[in-house]
Full PDB file with SEQRES, HELIX, SHEET, SSBOND, CRYST1, ORIGX, SCALE, CONECT and MASTER records, all heavy atoms in Angstrom:
SEQRES   1 A   35  LYS ASP SER CYS TYR CYS ASP ARG LYS SER SER HIS LEU          
SEQRES   2 A   35  VAL PHE LEU PHE LYS SER PRO LEU THR PRO ALA ILE ASN          
SEQRES   3 A   35  TYR HIS CYS ASP LEU SER LYS ALA SER                          
SHEET    1 AA1 3 CYS A   4  CYS A   6  0                                        
SHEET    2 AA1 3 HIS A  12  SER A  19 -1                                        
SHEET    3 AA1 3 THR A  22  ASP A  30 -1                                        
CRYST1    1.000    1.000    1.000  90.00  90.00  90.00 P 1           1          
ORIGX1      1.000000  0.000000  0.000000        0.00000                         
ORIGX2      0.000000  1.000000  0.000000        0.00000                         
ORIGX3      0.000000  0.000000  1.000000        0.00000                         
SCALE1      1.000000  0.000000  0.000000        0.00000                         
SCALE2      0.000000  1.000000  0.000000        0.00000                         
SCALE3      0.000000  0.000000  1.000000        0.00000                         
ATOM      1  N   LYS A   1      12.257   0.118  15.045  1.00  0.00           N  
ATOM      2  CA  LYS A   1      13.665   0.387  15.114  1.00  0.00           C  
ATOM      3  C   LYS A   1      14.507  -0.955  15.287  1.00  0.00           C  
ATOM      4  O   LYS A   1      15.674  -0.991  14.955  1.00  0.00           O  
ATOM      5  CB  LYS A   1      13.944   1.267  16.363  1.00  0.00           C  
ATOM      6  CG  LYS A   1      13.583   0.564  17.665  1.00  0.00           C  
ATOM      7  CD  LYS A   1      13.960   1.476  18.800  1.00  0.00           C  
ATOM      8  CE  LYS A   1      13.671   0.794  20.174  1.00  0.00           C  
ATOM      9  NZ  LYS A   1      13.975   1.700  21.272  1.00  0.00           N  
ATOM     10  N   ASP A   2      13.814  -2.037  15.694  1.00  0.00           N  
ATOM     11  CA  ASP A   2      14.454  -3.304  15.801  1.00  0.00           C  
ATOM     12  C   ASP A   2      14.254  -4.200  14.515  1.00  0.00           C  
ATOM     13  O   ASP A   2      14.615  -5.306  14.464  1.00  0.00           O  
ATOM     14  CB  ASP A   2      13.958  -4.108  16.961  1.00  0.00           C  
ATOM     15  CG  ASP A   2      14.181  -3.351  18.312  1.00  0.00           C  
ATOM     16  OD1 ASP A   2      15.217  -2.704  18.302  1.00  0.00           O  
ATOM     17  OD2 ASP A   2      13.416  -3.484  19.256  1.00  0.00           O  
ATOM     18  N   SER A   3      13.633  -3.539  13.461  1.00  0.00           N  
ATOM     19  CA  SER A   3      13.376  -4.339  12.215  1.00  0.00           C  
ATOM     20  C   SER A   3      14.114  -3.851  11.048  1.00  0.00           C  
ATOM     21  O   SER A   3      13.801  -4.153   9.916  1.00  0.00           O  
ATOM     22  CB  SER A   3      11.828  -4.155  11.948  1.00  0.00           C  
ATOM     23  OG  SER A   3      11.084  -4.674  13.068  1.00  0.00           O  
ATOM     24  N   CYS A   4      15.179  -3.000  11.343  1.00  0.00           N  
ATOM     25  CA  CYS A   4      16.033  -2.438  10.188  1.00  0.00           C  
ATOM     26  C   CYS A   4      17.373  -2.891  10.487  1.00  0.00           C  
ATOM     27  O   CYS A   4      18.013  -2.566  11.591  1.00  0.00           O  
ATOM     28  CB  CYS A   4      15.814  -0.930  10.149  1.00  0.00           C  
ATOM     29  SG  CYS A   4      16.587  -0.160   8.741  1.00  0.00           S  
ATOM     30  N   TYR A   5      18.030  -3.455   9.437  1.00  0.00           N  
ATOM     31  CA  TYR A   5      19.450  -3.922   9.747  1.00  0.00           C  
ATOM     32  C   TYR A   5      20.374  -3.391   8.496  1.00  0.00           C  
ATOM     33  O   TYR A   5      19.974  -3.491   7.373  1.00  0.00           O  
ATOM     34  CB  TYR A   5      19.435  -5.492   9.628  1.00  0.00           C  
ATOM     35  CG  TYR A   5      18.423  -6.076  10.579  1.00  0.00           C  
ATOM     36  CD1 TYR A   5      17.139  -6.447  10.132  1.00  0.00           C  
ATOM     37  CD2 TYR A   5      18.756  -6.343  11.907  1.00  0.00           C  
ATOM     38  CE1 TYR A   5      16.253  -6.984  10.945  1.00  0.00           C  
ATOM     39  CE2 TYR A   5      17.760  -6.818  12.794  1.00  0.00           C  
ATOM     40  CZ  TYR A   5      16.528  -7.185  12.233  1.00  0.00           C  
ATOM     41  OH  TYR A   5      15.604  -7.717  13.093  1.00  0.00           O  
ATOM     42  N   CYS A   6      21.427  -2.871   8.893  1.00  0.00           N  
ATOM     43  CA  CYS A   6      22.368  -2.283   7.958  1.00  0.00           C  
ATOM     44  C   CYS A   6      23.835  -2.139   8.598  1.00  0.00           C  
ATOM     45  O   CYS A   6      23.976  -2.260   9.830  1.00  0.00           O  
ATOM     46  CB  CYS A   6      21.961  -0.990   7.361  1.00  0.00           C  
ATOM     47  SG  CYS A   6      21.625   0.292   8.576  1.00  0.00           S  
ATOM     48  N   ASP A   7      24.780  -1.912   7.723  1.00  0.00           N  
ATOM     49  CA  ASP A   7      26.131  -1.693   8.253  1.00  0.00           C  
ATOM     50  C   ASP A   7      26.617  -0.366   7.565  1.00  0.00           C  
ATOM     51  O   ASP A   7      26.403  -0.078   6.422  1.00  0.00           O  
ATOM     52  CB  ASP A   7      27.027  -2.882   7.810  1.00  0.00           C  
ATOM     53  CG  ASP A   7      28.395  -2.755   8.450  1.00  0.00           C  
ATOM     54  OD1 ASP A   7      29.138  -1.724   8.222  1.00  0.00           O  
ATOM     55  OD2 ASP A   7      28.769  -3.648   9.228  1.00  0.00           O  
ATOM     56  N   ARG A   8      27.258   0.520   8.420  1.00  0.00           N  
ATOM     57  CA  ARG A   8      27.682   1.807   7.901  1.00  0.00           C  
ATOM     58  C   ARG A   8      28.626   1.630   6.709  1.00  0.00           C  
ATOM     59  O   ARG A   8      28.714   2.487   5.801  1.00  0.00           O  
ATOM     60  CB  ARG A   8      28.453   2.549   9.012  1.00  0.00           C  
ATOM     61  CG  ARG A   8      27.503   2.958  10.110  1.00  0.00           C  
ATOM     62  CD  ARG A   8      28.320   3.719  11.137  1.00  0.00           C  
ATOM     63  NE  ARG A   8      27.494   4.214  12.293  1.00  0.00           N  
ATOM     64  CZ  ARG A   8      26.849   5.296  12.345  1.00  0.00           C  
ATOM     65  NH1 ARG A   8      26.859   6.136  11.265  1.00  0.00           N  
ATOM     66  NH2 ARG A   8      26.040   5.639  13.349  1.00  0.00           N  
ATOM     67  N   LYS A   9      29.368   0.530   6.552  1.00  0.00           N  
ATOM     68  CA  LYS A   9      30.279   0.381   5.489  1.00  0.00           C  
ATOM     69  C   LYS A   9      29.616  -0.395   4.310  1.00  0.00           C  
ATOM     70  O   LYS A   9      30.393  -0.609   3.368  1.00  0.00           O  
ATOM     71  CB  LYS A   9      31.560  -0.392   6.029  1.00  0.00           C  
ATOM     72  CG  LYS A   9      32.323   0.292   7.143  1.00  0.00           C  
ATOM     73  CD  LYS A   9      33.489  -0.601   7.581  1.00  0.00           C  
ATOM     74  CE  LYS A   9      34.209   0.158   8.725  1.00  0.00           C  
ATOM     75  NZ  LYS A   9      35.470  -0.668   9.155  1.00  0.00           N  
ATOM     76  N   SER A  10      28.421  -0.702   4.435  1.00  0.00           N  
ATOM     77  CA  SER A  10      27.801  -1.472   3.357  1.00  0.00           C  
ATOM     78  C   SER A  10      26.640  -0.663   2.697  1.00  0.00           C  
ATOM     79  O   SER A  10      26.060   0.233   3.441  1.00  0.00           O  
ATOM     80  CB  SER A  10      27.141  -2.862   3.924  1.00  0.00           C  
ATOM     81  OG  SER A  10      26.462  -3.458   2.986  1.00  0.00           O  
ATOM     82  N   SER A  11      26.389  -0.959   1.467  1.00  0.00           N  
ATOM     83  CA  SER A  11      25.306  -0.320   0.789  1.00  0.00           C  
ATOM     84  C   SER A  11      23.982  -1.105   0.841  1.00  0.00           C  
ATOM     85  O   SER A  11      23.007  -0.640   0.315  1.00  0.00           O  
ATOM     86  CB  SER A  11      25.716  -0.034  -0.747  1.00  0.00           C  
ATOM     87  OG  SER A  11      25.873  -1.342  -1.336  1.00  0.00           O  
ATOM     88  N   HIS A  12      23.998  -2.116   1.507  1.00  0.00           N  
ATOM     89  CA  HIS A  12      22.890  -3.072   1.642  1.00  0.00           C  
ATOM     90  C   HIS A  12      22.005  -2.813   2.865  1.00  0.00           C  
ATOM     91  O   HIS A  12      22.534  -2.693   3.945  1.00  0.00           O  
ATOM     92  CB  HIS A  12      23.313  -4.519   1.591  1.00  0.00           C  
ATOM     93  CG  HIS A  12      23.997  -4.846   0.304  1.00  0.00           C  
ATOM     94  ND1 HIS A  12      23.288  -5.231  -0.862  1.00  0.00           N  
ATOM     95  CD2 HIS A  12      25.287  -5.010   0.041  1.00  0.00           C  
ATOM     96  CE1 HIS A  12      24.170  -5.558  -1.831  1.00  0.00           C  
ATOM     97  NE2 HIS A  12      25.347  -5.396  -1.350  1.00  0.00           N  
ATOM     98  N   LEU A  13      20.722  -2.731   2.626  1.00  0.00           N  
ATOM     99  CA  LEU A  13      19.784  -2.450   3.680  1.00  0.00           C  
ATOM    100  C   LEU A  13      18.737  -3.579   3.672  1.00  0.00           C  
ATOM    101  O   LEU A  13      18.088  -3.828   2.678  1.00  0.00           O  
ATOM    102  CB  LEU A  13      19.136  -1.040   3.508  1.00  0.00           C  
ATOM    103  CG  LEU A  13      17.958  -0.684   4.436  1.00  0.00           C  
ATOM    104  CD1 LEU A  13      18.422  -0.494   5.857  1.00  0.00           C  
ATOM    105  CD2 LEU A  13      17.218   0.509   3.955  1.00  0.00           C  
ATOM    106  N   VAL A  14      18.425  -4.079   4.821  1.00  0.00           N  
ATOM    107  CA  VAL A  14      17.365  -5.052   5.031  1.00  0.00           C  
ATOM    108  C   VAL A  14      16.468  -4.510   6.108  1.00  0.00           C  
ATOM    109  O   VAL A  14      16.885  -4.145   7.194  1.00  0.00           O  
ATOM    110  CB  VAL A  14      18.012  -6.408   5.481  1.00  0.00           C  
ATOM    111  CG1 VAL A  14      16.840  -7.389   5.646  1.00  0.00           C  
ATOM    112  CG2 VAL A  14      18.895  -7.009   4.330  1.00  0.00           C  
ATOM    113  N   PHE A  15      15.182  -4.561   5.830  1.00  0.00           N  
ATOM    114  CA  PHE A  15      14.162  -4.128   6.806  1.00  0.00           C  
ATOM    115  C   PHE A  15      12.951  -4.928   6.676  1.00  0.00           C  
ATOM    116  O   PHE A  15      12.579  -5.576   5.623  1.00  0.00           O  
ATOM    117  CB  PHE A  15      13.808  -2.652   6.634  1.00  0.00           C  
ATOM    118  CG  PHE A  15      13.191  -2.238   5.360  1.00  0.00           C  
ATOM    119  CD1 PHE A  15      11.762  -2.208   5.264  1.00  0.00           C  
ATOM    120  CD2 PHE A  15      13.869  -1.947   4.289  1.00  0.00           C  
ATOM    121  CE1 PHE A  15      11.076  -1.889   4.083  1.00  0.00           C  
ATOM    122  CE2 PHE A  15      13.296  -1.531   3.082  1.00  0.00           C  
ATOM    123  CZ  PHE A  15      11.918  -1.515   2.936  1.00  0.00           C  
ATOM    124  N   LEU A  16      12.170  -4.985   7.765  1.00  0.00           N  
ATOM    125  CA  LEU A  16      10.977  -5.697   7.851  1.00  0.00           C  
ATOM    126  C   LEU A  16       9.843  -4.771   7.964  1.00  0.00           C  
ATOM    127  O   LEU A  16       9.778  -3.756   8.656  1.00  0.00           O  
ATOM    128  CB  LEU A  16      10.879  -6.635   9.025  1.00  0.00           C  
ATOM    129  CG  LEU A  16       9.718  -7.524   9.422  1.00  0.00           C  
ATOM    130  CD1 LEU A  16      10.160  -8.798   9.967  1.00  0.00           C  
ATOM    131  CD2 LEU A  16       8.761  -6.809  10.268  1.00  0.00           C  
ATOM    132  N   PHE A  17       8.700  -5.032   7.126  1.00  0.00           N  
ATOM    133  CA  PHE A  17       7.519  -4.200   7.196  1.00  0.00           C  
ATOM    134  C   PHE A  17       6.305  -4.978   7.617  1.00  0.00           C  
ATOM    135  O   PHE A  17       6.131  -6.159   7.157  1.00  0.00           O  
ATOM    136  CB  PHE A  17       7.223  -3.582   5.819  1.00  0.00           C  
ATOM    137  CG  PHE A  17       5.856  -2.864   5.787  1.00  0.00           C  
ATOM    138  CD1 PHE A  17       5.829  -1.546   6.194  1.00  0.00           C  
ATOM    139  CD2 PHE A  17       4.692  -3.498   5.258  1.00  0.00           C  
ATOM    140  CE1 PHE A  17       4.557  -0.896   6.139  1.00  0.00           C  
ATOM    141  CE2 PHE A  17       3.554  -2.853   5.252  1.00  0.00           C  
ATOM    142  CZ  PHE A  17       3.418  -1.505   5.640  1.00  0.00           C  
ATOM    143  N   LYS A  18       5.461  -4.473   8.542  1.00  0.00           N  
ATOM    144  CA  LYS A  18       4.261  -5.161   8.881  1.00  0.00           C  
ATOM    145  C   LYS A  18       3.292  -4.189   9.414  1.00  0.00           C  
ATOM    146  O   LYS A  18       3.666  -3.027   9.804  1.00  0.00           O  
ATOM    147  CB  LYS A  18       4.569  -6.260   9.985  1.00  0.00           C  
ATOM    148  CG  LYS A  18       5.062  -5.606  11.305  1.00  0.00           C  
ATOM    149  CD  LYS A  18       5.257  -6.726  12.323  1.00  0.00           C  
ATOM    150  CE  LYS A  18       5.816  -6.155  13.689  1.00  0.00           C  
ATOM    151  NZ  LYS A  18       6.051  -7.230  14.686  1.00  0.00           N  
ATOM    152  N   SER A  19       2.049  -4.515   9.457  1.00  0.00           N  
ATOM    153  CA  SER A  19       0.987  -3.696   9.947  1.00  0.00           C  
ATOM    154  C   SER A  19      -0.136  -4.547  10.422  1.00  0.00           C  
ATOM    155  O   SER A  19      -0.109  -5.877  10.284  1.00  0.00           O  
ATOM    156  CB  SER A  19       0.430  -2.821   8.873  1.00  0.00           C  
ATOM    157  OG  SER A  19      -0.526  -3.522   8.006  1.00  0.00           O  
ATOM    158  N   PRO A  20      -1.129  -4.084  11.229  1.00  0.00           N  
ATOM    159  CA  PRO A  20      -2.200  -4.989  11.682  1.00  0.00           C  
ATOM    160  C   PRO A  20      -2.908  -5.796  10.602  1.00  0.00           C  
ATOM    161  O   PRO A  20      -3.521  -6.780  10.867  1.00  0.00           O  
ATOM    162  CB  PRO A  20      -3.189  -3.978  12.398  1.00  0.00           C  
ATOM    163  CG  PRO A  20      -2.271  -2.877  12.842  1.00  0.00           C  
ATOM    164  CD  PRO A  20      -1.309  -2.674  11.730  1.00  0.00           C  
ATOM    165  N   LEU A  21      -2.845  -5.313   9.425  1.00  0.00           N  
ATOM    166  CA  LEU A  21      -3.435  -6.008   8.309  1.00  0.00           C  
ATOM    167  C   LEU A  21      -2.511  -6.685   7.320  1.00  0.00           C  
ATOM    168  O   LEU A  21      -2.915  -7.302   6.340  1.00  0.00           O  
ATOM    169  CB  LEU A  21      -4.380  -5.040   7.520  1.00  0.00           C  
ATOM    170  CG  LEU A  21      -5.530  -4.481   8.317  1.00  0.00           C  
ATOM    171  CD1 LEU A  21      -6.375  -3.483   7.515  1.00  0.00           C  
ATOM    172  CD2 LEU A  21      -6.386  -5.536   8.939  1.00  0.00           C  
ATOM    173  N   THR A  22      -1.193  -6.500   7.559  1.00  0.00           N  
ATOM    174  CA  THR A  22      -0.227  -7.054   6.631  1.00  0.00           C  
ATOM    175  C   THR A  22       0.809  -7.865   7.419  1.00  0.00           C  
ATOM    176  O   THR A  22       1.433  -7.418   8.284  1.00  0.00           O  
ATOM    177  CB  THR A  22       0.510  -5.917   5.887  1.00  0.00           C  
ATOM    178  OG1 THR A  22      -0.371  -4.948   5.275  1.00  0.00           O  
ATOM    179  CG2 THR A  22       1.531  -6.460   4.946  1.00  0.00           C  
ATOM    180  N   PRO A  23       0.886  -9.220   6.994  1.00  0.00           N  
ATOM    181  CA  PRO A  23       1.903 -10.058   7.657  1.00  0.00           C  
ATOM    182  C   PRO A  23       3.307  -9.467   7.436  1.00  0.00           C  
ATOM    183  O   PRO A  23       3.479  -8.723   6.401  1.00  0.00           O  
ATOM    184  CB  PRO A  23       1.656 -11.401   6.968  1.00  0.00           C  
ATOM    185  CG  PRO A  23       0.281 -11.280   6.335  1.00  0.00           C  
ATOM    186  CD  PRO A  23       0.107  -9.842   5.956  1.00  0.00           C  
ATOM    187  N   ALA A  24       4.239  -9.843   8.236  1.00  0.00           N  
ATOM    188  CA  ALA A  24       5.621  -9.340   8.023  1.00  0.00           C  
ATOM    189  C   ALA A  24       6.297  -9.786   6.724  1.00  0.00           C  
ATOM    190  O   ALA A  24       6.119 -10.923   6.243  1.00  0.00           O  
ATOM    191  CB  ALA A  24       6.450  -9.982   9.156  1.00  0.00           C  
ATOM    192  N   ILE A  25       6.847  -8.738   6.013  1.00  0.00           N  
ATOM    193  CA  ILE A  25       7.561  -8.956   4.780  1.00  0.00           C  
ATOM    194  C   ILE A  25       8.979  -8.430   4.915  1.00  0.00           C  
ATOM    195  O   ILE A  25       9.122  -7.256   5.342  1.00  0.00           O  
ATOM    196  CB  ILE A  25       6.847  -8.269   3.601  1.00  0.00           C  
ATOM    197  CG1 ILE A  25       5.436  -8.753   3.525  1.00  0.00           C  
ATOM    198  CG2 ILE A  25       7.639  -8.559   2.315  1.00  0.00           C  
ATOM    199  CD1 ILE A  25       4.612  -8.038   2.451  1.00  0.00           C  
ATOM    200  N   ASN A  26       9.979  -9.239   4.606  1.00  0.00           N  
ATOM    201  CA  ASN A  26      11.404  -8.754   4.665  1.00  0.00           C  
ATOM    202  C   ASN A  26      11.811  -8.276   3.299  1.00  0.00           C  
ATOM    203  O   ASN A  26      11.694  -8.994   2.303  1.00  0.00           O  
ATOM    204  CB  ASN A  26      12.291  -9.885   5.080  1.00  0.00           C  
ATOM    205  CG  ASN A  26      12.204 -10.134   6.646  1.00  0.00           C  
ATOM    206  OD1 ASN A  26      12.480  -9.256   7.378  1.00  0.00           O  
ATOM    207  ND2 ASN A  26      11.796 -11.327   6.937  1.00  0.00           N  
ATOM    208  N   TYR A  27      12.366  -7.041   3.317  1.00  0.00           N  
ATOM    209  CA  TYR A  27      12.832  -6.412   2.063  1.00  0.00           C  
ATOM    210  C   TYR A  27      14.361  -6.179   2.083  1.00  0.00           C  
ATOM    211  O   TYR A  27      14.967  -6.006   3.102  1.00  0.00           O  
ATOM    212  CB  TYR A  27      12.146  -4.987   1.870  1.00  0.00           C  
ATOM    213  CG  TYR A  27      10.692  -5.116   1.510  1.00  0.00           C  
ATOM    214  CD1 TYR A  27       9.774  -4.910   2.502  1.00  0.00           C  
ATOM    215  CD2 TYR A  27      10.250  -5.297   0.184  1.00  0.00           C  
ATOM    216  CE1 TYR A  27       8.406  -4.979   2.198  1.00  0.00           C  
ATOM    217  CE2 TYR A  27       8.873  -5.376  -0.123  1.00  0.00           C  
ATOM    218  CZ  TYR A  27       7.948  -5.165   0.918  1.00  0.00           C  
ATOM    219  OH  TYR A  27       6.585  -5.140   0.618  1.00  0.00           O  
ATOM    220  N   HIS A  28      14.936  -6.211   0.910  1.00  0.00           N  
ATOM    221  CA  HIS A  28      16.331  -5.899   0.708  1.00  0.00           C  
ATOM    222  C   HIS A  28      16.454  -4.781  -0.326  1.00  0.00           C  
ATOM    223  O   HIS A  28      15.774  -4.683  -1.294  1.00  0.00           O  
ATOM    224  CB  HIS A  28      17.092  -7.070   0.164  1.00  0.00           C  
ATOM    225  CG  HIS A  28      18.532  -6.804  -0.264  1.00  0.00           C  
ATOM    226  ND1 HIS A  28      18.808  -6.618  -1.584  1.00  0.00           N  
ATOM    227  CD2 HIS A  28      19.600  -6.452   0.442  1.00  0.00           C  
ATOM    228  CE1 HIS A  28      20.083  -6.384  -1.783  1.00  0.00           C  
ATOM    229  NE2 HIS A  28      20.583  -6.198  -0.529  1.00  0.00           N  
ATOM    230  N   CYS A  29      17.320  -3.797  -0.072  1.00  0.00           N  
ATOM    231  CA  CYS A  29      17.603  -2.703  -0.923  1.00  0.00           C  
ATOM    232  C   CYS A  29      19.065  -2.461  -1.076  1.00  0.00           C  
ATOM    233  O   CYS A  29      19.818  -2.374  -0.033  1.00  0.00           O  
ATOM    234  CB  CYS A  29      16.824  -1.471  -0.370  1.00  0.00           C  
ATOM    235  SG  CYS A  29      17.060   0.056  -1.404  1.00  0.00           S  
ATOM    236  N   ASP A  30      19.532  -2.263  -2.240  1.00  0.00           N  
ATOM    237  CA  ASP A  30      20.982  -1.921  -2.526  1.00  0.00           C  
ATOM    238  C   ASP A  30      21.023  -0.382  -2.783  1.00  0.00           C  
ATOM    239  O   ASP A  30      20.608   0.045  -3.764  1.00  0.00           O  
ATOM    240  CB  ASP A  30      21.483  -2.658  -3.716  1.00  0.00           C  
ATOM    241  CG  ASP A  30      22.984  -2.521  -3.893  1.00  0.00           C  
ATOM    242  OD1 ASP A  30      23.518  -1.578  -3.204  1.00  0.00           O  
ATOM    243  OD2 ASP A  30      23.629  -3.229  -4.706  1.00  0.00           O  
ATOM    244  N   LEU A  31      21.564   0.337  -1.809  1.00  0.00           N  
ATOM    245  CA  LEU A  31      21.564   1.822  -1.876  1.00  0.00           C  
ATOM    246  C   LEU A  31      22.627   2.338  -2.866  1.00  0.00           C  
ATOM    247  O   LEU A  31      22.617   3.482  -3.150  1.00  0.00           O  
ATOM    248  CB  LEU A  31      21.775   2.362  -0.486  1.00  0.00           C  
ATOM    249  CG  LEU A  31      20.794   2.019   0.608  1.00  0.00           C  
ATOM    250  CD1 LEU A  31      21.268   2.619   1.927  1.00  0.00           C  
ATOM    251  CD2 LEU A  31      19.431   2.460   0.202  1.00  0.00           C  
ATOM    252  N   SER A  32      23.500   1.476  -3.364  1.00  0.00           N  
ATOM    253  CA  SER A  32      24.522   1.856  -4.333  1.00  0.00           C  
ATOM    254  C   SER A  32      23.914   2.052  -5.719  1.00  0.00           C  
ATOM    255  O   SER A  32      24.573   2.746  -6.564  1.00  0.00           O  
ATOM    256  CB  SER A  32      25.640   0.919  -4.381  1.00  0.00           C  
ATOM    257  OG  SER A  32      25.226  -0.332  -4.911  1.00  0.00           O  
ATOM    258  N   LYS A  33      22.770   1.551  -5.935  1.00  0.00           N  
ATOM    259  CA  LYS A  33      22.091   1.643  -7.284  1.00  0.00           C  
ATOM    260  C   LYS A  33      21.315   2.970  -7.383  1.00  0.00           C  
ATOM    261  O   LYS A  33      20.874   3.584  -6.451  1.00  0.00           O  
ATOM    262  CB  LYS A  33      21.155   0.468  -7.541  1.00  0.00           C  
ATOM    263  CG  LYS A  33      21.890  -0.862  -7.562  1.00  0.00           C  
ATOM    264  CD  LYS A  33      20.935  -2.012  -7.896  1.00  0.00           C  
ATOM    265  CE  LYS A  33      21.634  -3.331  -7.943  1.00  0.00           C  
ATOM    266  NZ  LYS A  33      20.620  -4.529  -8.118  1.00  0.00           N  
ATOM    267  N   ALA A  34      21.186   3.418  -8.589  1.00  0.00           N  
ATOM    268  CA  ALA A  34      20.544   4.660  -8.888  1.00  0.00           C  
ATOM    269  C   ALA A  34      19.083   4.621  -8.414  1.00  0.00           C  
ATOM    270  O   ALA A  34      18.561   5.554  -7.968  1.00  0.00           O  
ATOM    271  CB  ALA A  34      20.671   5.042 -10.411  1.00  0.00           C  
ATOM    272  N   SER A  35      18.435   3.504  -8.708  1.00  0.00           N  
ATOM    273  CA  SER A  35      17.066   3.335  -8.306  1.00  0.00           C  
ATOM    274  C   SER A  35      16.944   2.348  -7.137  1.00  0.00           C  
ATOM    275  O   SER A  35      17.606   1.263  -7.200  1.00  0.00           O  
ATOM    276  CB  SER A  35      16.200   2.728  -9.573  1.00  0.00           C  
ATOM    277  OG  SER A  35      16.751   1.521  -9.887  1.00  0.00           O  
TER     278      SER A  35                                                      
MASTER        0    0    0    0    3    0    0    6  277    1    0    3          
END                                                                             
């Protein structure tokens, strides 16, 4: 819950993914796009 960042007025979402076998990776997603 502390690894996801967004703003209600923005279509941009940034989140961090990690697991015991995967180092942390920061992703960006534009929710305004069809894909």
